[in-house]
Amino acid sequence: MSTYTITDAASLGAVLRRTRKSLGLTQETLSLQTGISRPTIRSIEQGKETAHLGLVLQICRDLGVTLEATPPEGLNDK
C-alpha cells in the first residue's frame, strides 16, 4: 500500500485519479457507481478547491482511499 502526502486539493485529486485508473474505472463508470456527476468527478480530480467535501469523501470511500490527519507535534489528544 502506498502512502501519499496530501497538501492541497490538487494532490488529493491526483491520488483519486491514480486510484480510479489503477482500479480500471473510467470517470463515467465511477459516476454511475457513486451517483456523482462526471463533471464533478473531473473537477475533483483536477483539484478544484471549491468541490463539496462530502462528495470528495464519498469518492474516497467508494475507491477505498483512507484519509488520515496528523496534527502538529506537541498537541495533546484531549
PDB file of N, CA and C in Angstrom:
ATOM      1  N   MET A   1       0.838  -1.167   0.000  1.00  0.00           N
ATOM      2  CA  MET A   1       0.000   0.000   0.000  1.00  0.00           C
ATOM      3  C   MET A   1       0.888   1.237   0.000  1.00  0.00           C
ATOM      4  N   SER A   2       0.577   2.159  -0.878  1.00  0.00           N
ATOM      5  CA  SER A   2       1.331   3.406  -0.957  1.00  0.00           C
ATOM      6  C   SER A   2       0.709   4.449  -0.048  1.00  0.00           C
ATOM      7  N   THR A   3       1.544   5.364   0.428  1.00  0.00           N
ATOM      8  CA  THR A   3       1.077   6.479   1.240  1.00  0.00           C
ATOM      9  C   THR A   3       1.478   7.763   0.530  1.00  0.00           C
ATOM     10  N   TYR A   4       0.544   8.687   0.435  1.00  0.00           N
ATOM     11  CA  TYR A   4       0.796   9.959  -0.227  1.00  0.00           C
ATOM     12  C   TYR A   4       0.518  11.091   0.753  1.00  0.00           C
ATOM     13  N   THR A   5       1.306  12.120   0.685  1.00  0.00           N
ATOM     14  CA  THR A   5       1.069  13.302   1.493  1.00  0.00           C
ATOM     15  C   THR A   5       0.153  14.227   0.715  1.00  0.00           C
ATOM     16  N   ILE A   6      -0.970  14.557   1.336  1.00  0.00           N
ATOM     17  CA  ILE A   6      -1.947  15.440   0.709  1.00  0.00           C
ATOM     18  C   ILE A   6      -1.738  16.836   1.290  1.00  0.00           C
ATOM     19  N   THR A   7      -1.395  17.771   0.421  1.00  0.00           N
ATOM     20  CA  THR A   7      -1.139  19.127   0.885  1.00  0.00           C
ATOM     21  C   THR A   7      -2.150  20.135   0.358  1.00  0.00           C
ATOM     22  N   ASP A   8      -2.923  19.727  -0.640  1.00  0.00           N
ATOM     23  CA  ASP A   8      -3.897  20.637  -1.231  1.00  0.00           C
ATOM     24  C   ASP A   8      -4.894  19.832  -2.063  1.00  0.00           C
ATOM     25  N   ALA A   9      -5.866  20.534  -2.626  1.00  0.00           N
ATOM     26  CA  ALA A   9      -6.899  19.870  -3.414  1.00  0.00           C
ATOM     27  C   ALA A   9      -6.313  19.156  -4.636  1.00  0.00           C
ATOM     28  N   ALA A  10      -5.279  19.732  -5.220  1.00  0.00           N
ATOM     29  CA  ALA A  10      -4.673  19.125  -6.412  1.00  0.00           C
ATOM     30  C   ALA A  10      -4.002  17.794  -6.088  1.00  0.00           C
ATOM     31  N   SER A  11      -3.312  17.710  -4.952  1.00  0.00           N
ATOM     32  CA  SER A  11      -2.643  16.448  -4.618  1.00  0.00           C
ATOM     33  C   SER A  11      -3.664  15.371  -4.247  1.00  0.00           C
ATOM     34  N   LEU A  12      -4.764  15.748  -3.601  1.00  0.00           N
ATOM     35  CA  LEU A  12      -5.816  14.775  -3.314  1.00  0.00           C
ATOM     36  C   LEU A  12      -6.477  14.318  -4.611  1.00  0.00           C
ATOM     37  N   GLY A  13      -6.745  15.248  -5.504  1.00  0.00           N
ATOM     38  CA  GLY A  13      -7.335  14.897  -6.798  1.00  0.00           C
ATOM     39  C   GLY A  13      -6.455  13.947  -7.585  1.00  0.00           C
ATOM     40  N   ALA A  14      -5.148  14.164  -7.533  1.00  0.00           N
ATOM     41  CA  ALA A  14      -4.216  13.290  -8.252  1.00  0.00           C
ATOM     42  C   ALA A  14      -4.239  11.872  -7.678  1.00  0.00           C
ATOM     43  N   VAL A  15      -4.332  11.754  -6.365  1.00  0.00           N
ATOM     44  CA  VAL A  15      -4.406  10.427  -5.735  1.00  0.00           C
ATOM     45  C   VAL A  15      -5.697   9.732  -6.147  1.00  0.00           C
ATOM     46  N   LEU A  16      -6.799  10.464  -6.139  1.00  0.00           N
ATOM     47  CA  LEU A  16      -8.073   9.860  -6.520  1.00  0.00           C
ATOM     48  C   LEU A  16      -8.059   9.421  -7.980  1.00  0.00           C
ATOM     49  N   ARG A  17      -7.505  10.238  -8.858  1.00  0.00           N
ATOM     50  CA  ARG A  17      -7.417   9.884 -10.276  1.00  0.00           C
ATOM     51  C   ARG A  17      -6.539   8.645 -10.466  1.00  0.00           C
ATOM     52  N   ARG A  18      -5.391   8.630  -9.806  1.00  0.00           N
ATOM     53  CA  ARG A  18      -4.467   7.497  -9.902  1.00  0.00           C
ATOM     54  C   ARG A  18      -5.138   6.212  -9.401  1.00  0.00           C
ATOM     55  N   THR A  19      -5.851   6.312  -8.299  1.00  0.00           N
ATOM     56  CA  THR A  19      -6.533   5.153  -7.728  1.00  0.00           C
ATOM     57  C   THR A  19      -7.633   4.663  -8.661  1.00  0.00           C
ATOM     58  N   ARG A  20      -8.438   5.587  -9.161  1.00  0.00           N
ATOM     59  CA  ARG A  20      -9.517   5.219 -10.081  1.00  0.00           C
ATOM     60  C   ARG A  20      -8.970   4.482 -11.291  1.00  0.00           C
ATOM     61  N   LYS A  21      -7.919   5.029 -11.874  1.00  0.00           N
ATOM     62  CA  LYS A  21      -7.331   4.397 -13.059  1.00  0.00           C
ATOM     63  C   LYS A  21      -6.726   3.040 -12.732  1.00  0.00           C
ATOM     64  N   SER A  22      -6.086   2.904 -11.581  1.00  0.00           N
ATOM     65  CA  SER A  22      -5.487   1.614 -11.223  1.00  0.00           C
ATOM     66  C   SER A  22      -6.555   0.561 -10.970  1.00  0.00           C
ATOM     67  N   LEU A  23      -7.754   0.987 -10.622  1.00  0.00           N
ATOM     68  CA  LEU A  23      -8.878   0.056 -10.456  1.00  0.00           C
ATOM     69  C   LEU A  23      -9.570  -0.238 -11.790  1.00  0.00           C
ATOM     70  N   GLY A  24      -9.090   0.402 -12.850  1.00  0.00           N
ATOM     71  CA  GLY A  24      -9.653   0.170 -14.180  1.00  0.00           C
ATOM     72  C   GLY A  24     -11.003   0.837 -14.393  1.00  0.00           C
ATOM     73  N   LEU A  25     -11.257   1.901 -13.648  1.00  0.00           N
ATOM     74  CA  LEU A  25     -12.534   2.605 -13.758  1.00  0.00           C
ATOM     75  C   LEU A  25     -12.380   3.873 -14.589  1.00  0.00           C
ATOM     76  N   THR A  26     -13.369   4.135 -15.411  1.00  0.00           N
ATOM     77  CA  THR A  26     -13.423   5.421 -16.099  1.00  0.00           C
ATOM     78  C   THR A  26     -14.176   6.401 -15.207  1.00  0.00           C
ATOM     79  N   GLN A  27     -14.086   7.668 -15.525  1.00  0.00           N
ATOM     80  CA  GLN A  27     -14.872   8.649 -14.778  1.00  0.00           C
ATOM     81  C   GLN A  27     -16.357   8.346 -14.930  1.00  0.00           C
ATOM     82  N   GLU A  28     -16.766   7.912 -16.092  1.00  0.00           N
ATOM     83  CA  GLU A  28     -18.166   7.583 -16.342  1.00  0.00           C
ATOM     84  C   GLU A  28     -18.629   6.418 -15.468  1.00  0.00           C
ATOM     85  N   THR A  29     -17.808   5.376 -15.368  1.00  0.00           N
ATOM     86  CA  THR A  29     -18.156   4.225 -14.536  1.00  0.00           C
ATOM     87  C   THR A  29     -18.242   4.629 -13.073  1.00  0.00           C
ATOM     88  N   LEU A  30     -17.276   5.411 -12.604  1.00  0.00           N
ATOM     89  CA  LEU A  30     -17.297   5.881 -11.223  1.00  0.00           C
ATOM     90  C   LEU A  30     -18.530   6.740 -10.978  1.00  0.00           C
ATOM     91  N   SER A  31     -18.891   7.533 -11.952  1.00  0.00           N
ATOM     92  CA  SER A  31     -20.085   8.363 -11.854  1.00  0.00           C
ATOM     93  C   SER A  31     -21.325   7.499 -11.675  1.00  0.00           C
ATOM     94  N   LEU A  32     -21.436   6.451 -12.452  1.00  0.00           N
ATOM     95  CA  LEU A  32     -22.588   5.552 -12.345  1.00  0.00           C
ATOM     96  C   LEU A  32     -22.612   4.832 -11.002  1.00  0.00           C
ATOM     97  N   GLN A  33     -21.436   4.463 -10.496  1.00  0.00           N
ATOM     98  CA  GLN A  33     -21.363   3.741  -9.225  1.00  0.00           C
ATOM     99  C   GLN A  33     -21.668   4.634  -8.030  1.00  0.00           C
ATOM    100  N   THR A  34     -21.267   5.888  -8.100  1.00  0.00           N
ATOM    101  CA  THR A  34     -21.391   6.786  -6.949  1.00  0.00           C
ATOM    102  C   THR A  34     -22.612   7.692  -7.006  1.00  0.00           C
ATOM    103  N   GLY A  35     -23.137   7.907  -8.198  1.00  0.00           N
ATOM    104  CA  GLY A  35     -24.217   8.870  -8.355  1.00  0.00           C
ATOM    105  C   GLY A  35     -23.726  10.305  -8.408  1.00  0.00           C
ATOM    106  N   ILE A  36     -22.416  10.474  -8.491  1.00  0.00           N
ATOM    107  CA  ILE A  36     -21.806  11.801  -8.600  1.00  0.00           C
ATOM    108  C   ILE A  36     -21.549  12.063 -10.079  1.00  0.00           C
ATOM    109  N   SER A  37     -21.909  13.241 -10.555  1.00  0.00           N
ATOM    110  CA  SER A  37     -21.791  13.523 -11.985  1.00  0.00           C
ATOM    111  C   SER A  37     -20.333  13.455 -12.451  1.00  0.00           C
ATOM    112  N   ARG A  38     -20.161  13.085 -13.715  1.00  0.00           N
ATOM    113  CA  ARG A  38     -18.815  13.009 -14.294  1.00  0.00           C
ATOM    114  C   ARG A  38     -18.099  14.361 -14.245  1.00  0.00           C
ATOM    115  N   PRO A  39     -18.790  15.485 -14.562  1.00  0.00           N
ATOM    116  CA  PRO A  39     -18.095  16.782 -14.449  1.00  0.00           C
ATOM    117  C   PRO A  39     -17.606  17.071 -13.028  1.00  0.00           C
ATOM    118  N   THR A  40     -18.374  16.653 -12.031  1.00  0.00           N
ATOM    119  CA  THR A  40     -17.943  16.863 -10.647  1.00  0.00           C
ATOM    120  C   THR A  40     -16.729  16.006 -10.333  1.00  0.00           C
ATOM    121  N   ILE A  41     -16.735  14.756 -10.774  1.00  0.00           N
ATOM    122  CA  ILE A  41     -15.575  13.876 -10.578  1.00  0.00           C
ATOM    123  C   ILE A  41     -14.349  14.472 -11.266  1.00  0.00           C
ATOM    124  N   ARG A  42     -14.536  14.950 -12.484  1.00  0.00           N
ATOM    125  CA  ARG A  42     -13.430  15.563 -13.217  1.00  0.00           C
ATOM    126  C   ARG A  42     -12.887  16.769 -12.458  1.00  0.00           C
ATOM    127  N   SER A  43     -13.772  17.608 -11.933  1.00  0.00           N
ATOM    128  CA  SER A  43     -13.340  18.797 -11.179  1.00  0.00           C
ATOM    129  C   SER A  43     -12.552  18.412  -9.933  1.00  0.00           C
ATOM    130  N   ILE A  44     -13.027  17.396  -9.228  1.00  0.00           N
ATOM    131  CA  ILE A  44     -12.321  16.946  -8.020  1.00  0.00           C
ATOM    132  C   ILE A  44     -10.943  16.411  -8.383  1.00  0.00           C
ATOM    133  N   GLU A  45     -10.869  15.607  -9.445  1.00  0.00           N
ATOM    134  CA  GLU A  45      -9.578  15.055  -9.862  1.00  0.00           C
ATOM    135  C   GLU A  45      -8.624  16.142 -10.341  1.00  0.00           C
ATOM    136  N   GLN A  46      -9.166  17.232 -10.847  1.00  0.00           N
ATOM    137  CA  GLN A  46      -8.324  18.343 -11.305  1.00  0.00           C
ATOM    138  C   GLN A  46      -7.942  19.280 -10.158  1.00  0.00           C
ATOM    139  N   GLY A  47      -8.430  18.984  -8.959  1.00  0.00           N
ATOM    140  CA  GLY A  47      -8.031  19.775  -7.798  1.00  0.00           C
ATOM    141  C   GLY A  47      -8.824  21.039  -7.583  1.00  0.00           C
ATOM    142  N   LYS A  48     -10.041  21.076  -8.095  1.00  0.00           N
ATOM    143  CA  LYS A  48     -10.876  22.263  -7.891  1.00  0.00           C
ATOM    144  C   LYS A  48     -11.123  22.432  -6.397  1.00  0.00           C
ATOM    145  N   GLU A  49     -10.733  23.560  -5.863  1.00  0.00           N
ATOM    146  CA  GLU A  49     -10.776  23.778  -4.426  1.00  0.00           C
ATOM    147  C   GLU A  49     -12.166  24.027  -3.888  1.00  0.00           C
ATOM    148  N   THR A  50     -13.137  24.267  -4.743  1.00  0.00           N
ATOM    149  CA  THR A  50     -14.496  24.522  -4.271  1.00  0.00           C
ATOM    150  C   THR A  50     -15.361  23.260  -4.299  1.00  0.00           C
ATOM    151  N   ALA A  51     -14.755  22.109  -4.503  1.00  0.00           N
ATOM    152  CA  ALA A  51     -15.508  20.861  -4.526  1.00  0.00           C
ATOM    153  C   ALA A  51     -16.136  20.609  -3.156  1.00  0.00           C
ATOM    154  N   HIS A  52     -17.331  20.079  -3.154  1.00  0.00           N
ATOM    155  CA  HIS A  52     -18.059  19.779  -1.924  1.00  0.00           C
ATOM    156  C   HIS A  52     -17.356  18.657  -1.170  1.00  0.00           C
ATOM    157  N   LEU A  53     -16.985  18.915   0.074  1.00  0.00           N
ATOM    158  CA  LEU A  53     -16.215  17.955   0.861  1.00  0.00           C
ATOM    159  C   LEU A  53     -16.926  16.615   0.990  1.00  0.00           C
ATOM    160  N   GLY A  54     -18.230  16.629   1.164  1.00  0.00           N
ATOM    161  CA  GLY A  54     -18.983  15.385   1.288  1.00  0.00           C
ATOM    162  C   GLY A  54     -18.841  14.508   0.055  1.00  0.00           C
ATOM    163  N   LEU A  55     -18.837  15.121  -1.132  1.00  0.00           N
ATOM    164  CA  LEU A  55     -18.663  14.354  -2.370  1.00  0.00           C
ATOM    165  C   LEU A  55     -17.253  13.795  -2.473  1.00  0.00           C
ATOM    166  N   VAL A  56     -16.270  14.594  -2.071  1.00  0.00           N
ATOM    167  CA  VAL A  56     -14.881  14.125  -2.087  1.00  0.00           C
ATOM    168  C   VAL A  56     -14.728  12.920  -1.171  1.00  0.00           C
ATOM    169  N   LEU A  57     -15.300  13.010   0.025  1.00  0.00           N
ATOM    170  CA  LEU A  57     -15.206  11.896   0.975  1.00  0.00           C
ATOM    171  C   LEU A  57     -15.948  10.660   0.461  1.00  0.00           C
ATOM    172  N   GLN A  58     -17.072  10.860  -0.224  1.00  0.00           N
ATOM    173  CA  GLN A  58     -17.799   9.729  -0.801  1.00  0.00           C
ATOM    174  C   GLN A  58     -16.955   9.022  -1.854  1.00  0.00           C
ATOM    175  N   ILE A  59     -16.294   9.788  -2.710  1.00  0.00           N
ATOM    176  CA  ILE A  59     -15.428   9.187  -3.723  1.00  0.00           C
ATOM    177  C   ILE A  59     -14.284   8.439  -3.051  1.00  0.00           C
ATOM    178  N   CYS A  60     -13.706   9.020  -2.012  1.00  0.00           N
ATOM    179  CA  CYS A  60     -12.645   8.327  -1.274  1.00  0.00           C
ATOM    180  C   CYS A  60     -13.151   6.975  -0.770  1.00  0.00           C
ATOM    181  N   ARG A  61     -14.300   6.972  -0.127  1.00  0.00           N
ATOM    182  CA  ARG A  61     -14.873   5.714   0.391  1.00  0.00           C
ATOM    183  C   ARG A  61     -15.108   4.718  -0.731  1.00  0.00           C
ATOM    184  N   ASP A  62     -15.705   5.172  -1.829  1.00  0.00           N
ATOM    185  CA  ASP A  62     -16.045   4.268  -2.925  1.00  0.00           C
ATOM    186  C   ASP A  62     -14.811   3.697  -3.616  1.00  0.00           C
ATOM    187  N   LEU A  63     -13.714   4.447  -3.595  1.00  0.00           N
ATOM    188  CA  LEU A  63     -12.469   3.946  -4.189  1.00  0.00           C
ATOM    189  C   LEU A  63     -11.607   3.193  -3.174  1.00  0.00           C
ATOM    190  N   GLY A  64     -12.001   3.218  -1.908  1.00  0.00           N
ATOM    191  CA  GLY A  64     -11.213   2.547  -0.881  1.00  0.00           C
ATOM    192  C   GLY A  64     -10.032   3.359  -0.399  1.00  0.00           C
ATOM    193  N   VAL A  65     -10.064   4.662  -0.624  1.00  0.00           N
ATOM    194  CA  VAL A  65      -8.985   5.550  -0.194  1.00  0.00           C
ATOM    195  C   VAL A  65      -9.259   5.980   1.241  1.00  0.00           C
ATOM    196  N   THR A  66      -8.288   5.797   2.107  1.00  0.00           N
ATOM    197  CA  THR A  66      -8.398   6.196   3.505  1.00  0.00           C
ATOM    198  C   THR A  66      -7.602   7.467   3.718  1.00  0.00           C
ATOM    199  N   LEU A  67      -8.227   8.442   4.348  1.00  0.00           N
ATOM    200  CA  LEU A  67      -7.538   9.689   4.672  1.00  0.00           C
ATOM    201  C   LEU A  67      -7.192   9.678   6.150  1.00  0.00           C
ATOM    202  N   GLU A  68      -5.996  10.135   6.473  1.00  0.00           N
ATOM    203  CA  GLU A  68      -5.562  10.260   7.854  1.00  0.00           C
ATOM    204  C   GLU A  68      -5.028  11.665   8.060  1.00  0.00           C
ATOM    205  N   ALA A  69      -5.250  12.192   9.247  1.00  0.00           N
ATOM    206  CA  ALA A  69      -4.750  13.516   9.585  1.00  0.00           C
ATOM    207  C   ALA A  69      -3.715  13.382  10.696  1.00  0.00           C
ATOM    208  N   THR A  70      -2.614  14.103  10.546  1.00  0.00           N
ATOM    209  CA  THR A  70      -1.569  14.114  11.552  1.00  0.00           C
ATOM    210  C   THR A  70      -1.464  15.515  12.123  1.00  0.00           C
ATOM    211  N   PRO A  71      -1.902  15.701  13.380  1.00  0.00           N
ATOM    212  CA  PRO A  71      -1.798  17.034  13.967  1.00  0.00           C
ATOM    213  C   PRO A  71      -0.340  17.388  14.237  1.00  0.00           C
ATOM    214  N   PRO A  72      -0.056  18.668  14.393  1.00  0.00           N
ATOM    215  CA  PRO A  72       1.322  19.064  14.691  1.00  0.00           C
ATOM    216  C   PRO A  72       1.812  18.433  15.983  1.00  0.00           C
ATOM    217  N   GLU A  73       3.102  18.170  16.051  1.00  0.00           N
ATOM    218  CA  GLU A  73       3.683  17.606  17.261  1.00  0.00           C
ATOM    219  C   GLU A  73       3.444  18.526  18.438  1.00  0.00           C
ATOM    220  N   GLY A  74       3.291  17.921  19.610  1.00  0.00           N
ATOM    221  CA  GLY A  74       3.120  18.700  20.822  1.00  0.00           C
ATOM    222  C   GLY A  74       1.672  18.946  21.201  1.00  0.00           C
ATOM    223  N   LEU A  75       0.734  18.642  20.299  1.00  0.00           N
ATOM    224  CA  LEU A  75      -0.670  18.817  20.650  1.00  0.00           C
ATOM    225  C   LEU A  75      -1.150  17.589  21.387  1.00  0.00           C
ATOM    226  N   ASN A  76      -1.900  17.801  22.427  1.00  0.00           N
ATOM    227  CA  ASN A  76      -2.435  16.693  23.214  1.00  0.00           C
ATOM    228  C   ASN A  76      -3.683  16.143  22.537  1.00  0.00           C
ATOM    229  N   ASP A  77      -3.923  14.850  22.684  1.00  0.00           N
ATOM    230  CA  ASP A  77      -5.103  14.205  22.138  1.00  0.00           C
ATOM    231  C   ASP A  77      -6.223  14.240  23.162  1.00  0.00           C
ATOM    232  N   LYS A  78      -6.662  15.400  23.543  1.00  0.00           N
ATOM    233  CA  LYS A  78      -7.725  15.533  24.566  1.00  0.00           C
ATOM    234  C   LYS A  78      -9.029  15.871  23.934  1.00  0.00           C
TER     235      LYS A  78
END
